[in-house]
Amino acid sequence: MSIKKVTSEPSPSKDNELEIRKVKALEKIANSLDALTIWFEEIDKDEWSQRLQFYLAEFHKYAKPKDPTIDE
């Protein structure tokens, strides 16, 4: 039976392997962010604007102002 020494420092090959994994992970994150950026740019902002105006109008129907000096 052989006894292996446990070292706290990783070997250079493990460091290199870890760095490669880090780079690959960062590249995947960057690709996902790029896809999200393209999606946000392609959104029909006019349609969203109308939708937001509708929901704000609905909110104002039900929300009563706390300040009595505000005209409805």
N, C-alpha and C. Protein backbone atom coordinates (compact mmCIF):
# COMPACT_ATOMS: atom_id res chain seq x y z
N MET A 1 0.85 -1.17 0.00
CA MET A 1 0.00 0.00 0.00
C MET A 1 0.89 1.23 0.00
N SER A 2 0.63 2.13 -0.93
CA SER A 2 1.46 3.33 -0.99
C SER A 2 0.73 4.50 -0.33
N ILE A 3 1.49 5.40 0.26
CA ILE A 3 0.93 6.55 0.93
C ILE A 3 1.21 7.78 0.06
N LYS A 4 0.15 8.51 -0.24
CA LYS A 4 0.29 9.70 -1.05
C LYS A 4 0.35 10.92 -0.14
N LYS A 5 1.23 11.83 -0.48
CA LYS A 5 1.32 13.05 0.28
C LYS A 5 0.29 14.04 -0.24
N VAL A 6 -0.38 14.68 0.68
CA VAL A 6 -1.37 15.69 0.31
C VAL A 6 -0.67 17.04 0.34
N THR A 7 -0.66 17.68 -0.81
CA THR A 7 -0.02 19.00 -0.87
C THR A 7 -1.09 20.06 -1.00
N SER A 8 -0.83 21.20 -0.41
CA SER A 8 -1.79 22.30 -0.47
C SER A 8 -1.70 23.05 -1.79
N GLU A 9 -0.56 22.96 -2.46
CA GLU A 9 -0.40 23.66 -3.74
C GLU A 9 -0.78 22.73 -4.88
N PRO A 10 -1.64 23.19 -5.77
CA PRO A 10 -1.96 22.37 -6.94
C PRO A 10 -0.78 22.35 -7.91
N SER A 11 -0.70 21.28 -8.64
CA SER A 11 0.40 21.17 -9.61
C SER A 11 0.17 22.16 -10.76
N PRO A 12 1.23 22.49 -11.50
CA PRO A 12 1.07 23.44 -12.61
C PRO A 12 0.05 22.98 -13.65
N SER A 13 -0.06 21.68 -13.87
CA SER A 13 -1.04 21.21 -14.84
C SER A 13 -2.46 21.42 -14.34
N LYS A 14 -2.66 21.28 -13.02
CA LYS A 14 -3.99 21.53 -12.45
C LYS A 14 -4.33 23.01 -12.49
N ASP A 15 -3.32 23.87 -12.25
CA ASP A 15 -3.54 25.31 -12.36
C ASP A 15 -3.95 25.68 -13.78
N ASN A 16 -3.23 25.12 -14.73
CA ASN A 16 -3.53 25.40 -16.14
C ASN A 16 -4.92 24.90 -16.50
N GLU A 17 -5.27 23.72 -16.03
CA GLU A 17 -6.58 23.14 -16.29
C GLU A 17 -7.69 24.01 -15.68
N LEU A 18 -7.44 24.50 -14.47
CA LEU A 18 -8.41 25.36 -13.80
C LEU A 18 -8.58 26.68 -14.55
N GLU A 19 -7.49 27.25 -15.03
CA GLU A 19 -7.57 28.49 -15.80
C GLU A 19 -8.34 28.28 -17.09
N ILE A 20 -8.15 27.16 -17.74
CA ILE A 20 -8.89 26.86 -18.98
C ILE A 20 -10.38 26.74 -18.68
N ARG A 21 -10.73 26.09 -17.58
CA ARG A 21 -12.14 25.98 -17.20
C ARG A 21 -12.74 27.34 -16.89
N LYS A 22 -11.96 28.21 -16.24
CA LYS A 22 -12.43 29.55 -15.94
C LYS A 22 -12.71 30.33 -17.21
N VAL A 23 -11.79 30.24 -18.16
CA VAL A 23 -11.95 30.95 -19.43
C VAL A 23 -13.18 30.45 -20.18
N LYS A 24 -13.37 29.14 -20.21
CA LYS A 24 -14.54 28.58 -20.88
C LYS A 24 -15.83 29.04 -20.22
N ALA A 25 -15.84 29.07 -18.90
CA ALA A 25 -17.03 29.52 -18.17
C ALA A 25 -17.32 31.00 -18.46
N LEU A 26 -16.28 31.82 -18.47
CA LEU A 26 -16.46 33.24 -18.77
C LEU A 26 -16.94 33.45 -20.21
N GLU A 27 -16.45 32.63 -21.13
CA GLU A 27 -16.91 32.74 -22.52
C GLU A 27 -18.39 32.37 -22.63
N LYS A 28 -18.84 31.37 -21.89
CA LYS A 28 -20.26 31.00 -21.90
C LYS A 28 -21.11 32.13 -21.32
N ILE A 29 -20.64 32.74 -20.25
CA ILE A 29 -21.37 33.86 -19.66
C ILE A 29 -21.44 35.02 -20.64
N ALA A 30 -20.32 35.30 -21.31
CA ALA A 30 -20.30 36.40 -22.28
C ALA A 30 -21.25 36.12 -23.44
N ASN A 31 -21.31 34.89 -23.91
CA ASN A 31 -22.23 34.54 -24.99
C ASN A 31 -23.68 34.72 -24.56
N SER A 32 -23.98 34.33 -23.32
CA SER A 32 -25.34 34.50 -22.82
C SER A 32 -25.71 35.97 -22.70
N LEU A 33 -24.80 36.79 -22.21
CA LEU A 33 -25.05 38.22 -22.11
C LEU A 33 -25.22 38.85 -23.49
N ASP A 34 -24.44 38.39 -24.44
CA ASP A 34 -24.56 38.90 -25.81
C ASP A 34 -25.93 38.55 -26.38
N ALA A 35 -26.39 37.33 -26.15
CA ALA A 35 -27.72 36.93 -26.63
C ALA A 35 -28.81 37.76 -25.98
N LEU A 36 -28.68 38.03 -24.68
CA LEU A 36 -29.66 38.87 -23.99
C LEU A 36 -29.65 40.29 -24.53
N THR A 37 -28.47 40.82 -24.80
CA THR A 37 -28.35 42.17 -25.34
C THR A 37 -29.05 42.27 -26.69
N ILE A 38 -28.83 41.29 -27.54
CA ILE A 38 -29.48 41.29 -28.86
C ILE A 38 -30.99 41.20 -28.69
N TRP A 39 -31.46 40.36 -27.76
CA TRP A 39 -32.90 40.22 -27.53
C TRP A 39 -33.51 41.53 -27.07
N PHE A 40 -32.83 42.22 -26.14
CA PHE A 40 -33.36 43.50 -25.66
C PHE A 40 -33.40 44.54 -26.77
N GLU A 41 -32.42 44.51 -27.66
CA GLU A 41 -32.39 45.47 -28.76
C GLU A 41 -33.50 45.20 -29.76
N GLU A 42 -33.92 43.94 -29.90
CA GLU A 42 -34.92 43.59 -30.91
C GLU A 42 -36.36 43.73 -30.40
N ILE A 43 -36.55 44.02 -29.12
CA ILE A 43 -37.90 44.16 -28.57
C ILE A 43 -38.60 45.33 -29.26
N ASP A 44 -39.87 45.14 -29.58
CA ASP A 44 -40.67 46.21 -30.17
C ASP A 44 -41.03 47.18 -29.04
N LYS A 45 -40.26 48.24 -28.94
CA LYS A 45 -40.43 49.15 -27.82
C LYS A 45 -41.75 49.91 -27.87
N ASP A 46 -42.28 50.16 -29.06
CA ASP A 46 -43.58 50.84 -29.16
C ASP A 46 -44.67 49.99 -28.54
N GLU A 47 -44.65 48.70 -28.81
CA GLU A 47 -45.65 47.80 -28.24
C GLU A 47 -45.54 47.75 -26.72
N TRP A 48 -44.32 47.69 -26.22
CA TRP A 48 -44.13 47.68 -24.77
C TRP A 48 -44.57 48.99 -24.16
N SER A 49 -44.35 50.09 -24.85
CA SER A 49 -44.75 51.40 -24.33
C SER A 49 -46.26 51.44 -24.14
N GLN A 50 -47.00 50.96 -25.12
CA GLN A 50 -48.46 50.95 -25.02
C GLN A 50 -48.92 50.04 -23.89
N ARG A 51 -48.26 48.91 -23.76
CA ARG A 51 -48.63 47.97 -22.70
C ARG A 51 -48.37 48.58 -21.33
N LEU A 52 -47.21 49.24 -21.17
CA LEU A 52 -46.90 49.87 -19.89
C LEU A 52 -47.89 51.00 -19.58
N GLN A 53 -48.27 51.77 -20.59
CA GLN A 53 -49.24 52.84 -20.38
C GLN A 53 -50.58 52.26 -19.91
N PHE A 54 -50.97 51.14 -20.48
CA PHE A 54 -52.22 50.50 -20.08
C PHE A 54 -52.16 50.08 -18.61
N TYR A 55 -51.07 49.39 -18.22
CA TYR A 55 -50.96 48.93 -16.84
C TYR A 55 -50.84 50.09 -15.86
N LEU A 56 -50.16 51.17 -16.24
CA LEU A 56 -50.10 52.33 -15.36
C LEU A 56 -51.48 52.96 -15.20
N ALA A 57 -52.26 53.01 -16.28
CA ALA A 57 -53.62 53.56 -16.19
C ALA A 57 -54.48 52.69 -15.28
N GLU A 58 -54.35 51.37 -15.39
CA GLU A 58 -55.09 50.47 -14.51
C GLU A 58 -54.67 50.66 -13.05
N PHE A 59 -53.39 50.84 -12.83
CA PHE A 59 -52.90 51.06 -11.47
C PHE A 59 -53.48 52.36 -10.90
N HIS A 60 -53.52 53.40 -11.72
CA HIS A 60 -54.04 54.69 -11.24
C HIS A 60 -55.55 54.65 -10.98
N LYS A 61 -56.25 53.74 -11.62
CA LYS A 61 -57.68 53.60 -11.34
C LYS A 61 -57.92 53.12 -9.91
N TYR A 62 -57.05 52.21 -9.46
CA TYR A 62 -57.26 51.58 -8.15
C TYR A 62 -56.46 52.23 -7.03
N ALA A 63 -55.39 52.91 -7.36
CA ALA A 63 -54.57 53.54 -6.32
C ALA A 63 -55.12 54.93 -6.03
N LYS A 64 -55.38 55.17 -4.80
CA LYS A 64 -55.89 56.47 -4.39
C LYS A 64 -54.72 57.29 -3.82
N PRO A 65 -54.61 58.55 -4.20
CA PRO A 65 -53.52 59.37 -3.65
C PRO A 65 -53.74 59.65 -2.17
N LYS A 66 -52.66 59.66 -1.40
CA LYS A 66 -52.75 59.93 0.04
C LYS A 66 -52.87 61.43 0.31
N ASP A 67 -52.37 62.23 -0.61
CA ASP A 67 -52.40 63.68 -0.45
C ASP A 67 -53.74 64.22 -0.99
N PRO A 68 -54.58 64.82 -0.17
CA PRO A 68 -55.89 65.28 -0.64
C PRO A 68 -55.81 66.48 -1.58
N THR A 69 -54.65 67.10 -1.72
CA THR A 69 -54.53 68.25 -2.61
C THR A 69 -54.28 67.85 -4.06
N ILE A 70 -54.02 66.57 -4.29
CA ILE A 70 -53.78 66.10 -5.65
C ILE A 70 -55.11 65.89 -6.34
N ASP A 71 -55.28 66.52 -7.51
CA ASP A 71 -56.50 66.36 -8.28
C ASP A 71 -56.45 65.02 -9.01
N GLU A 72 -57.60 64.40 -9.10
CA GLU A 72 -57.66 63.12 -9.80
C GLU A 72 -57.94 63.32 -11.26
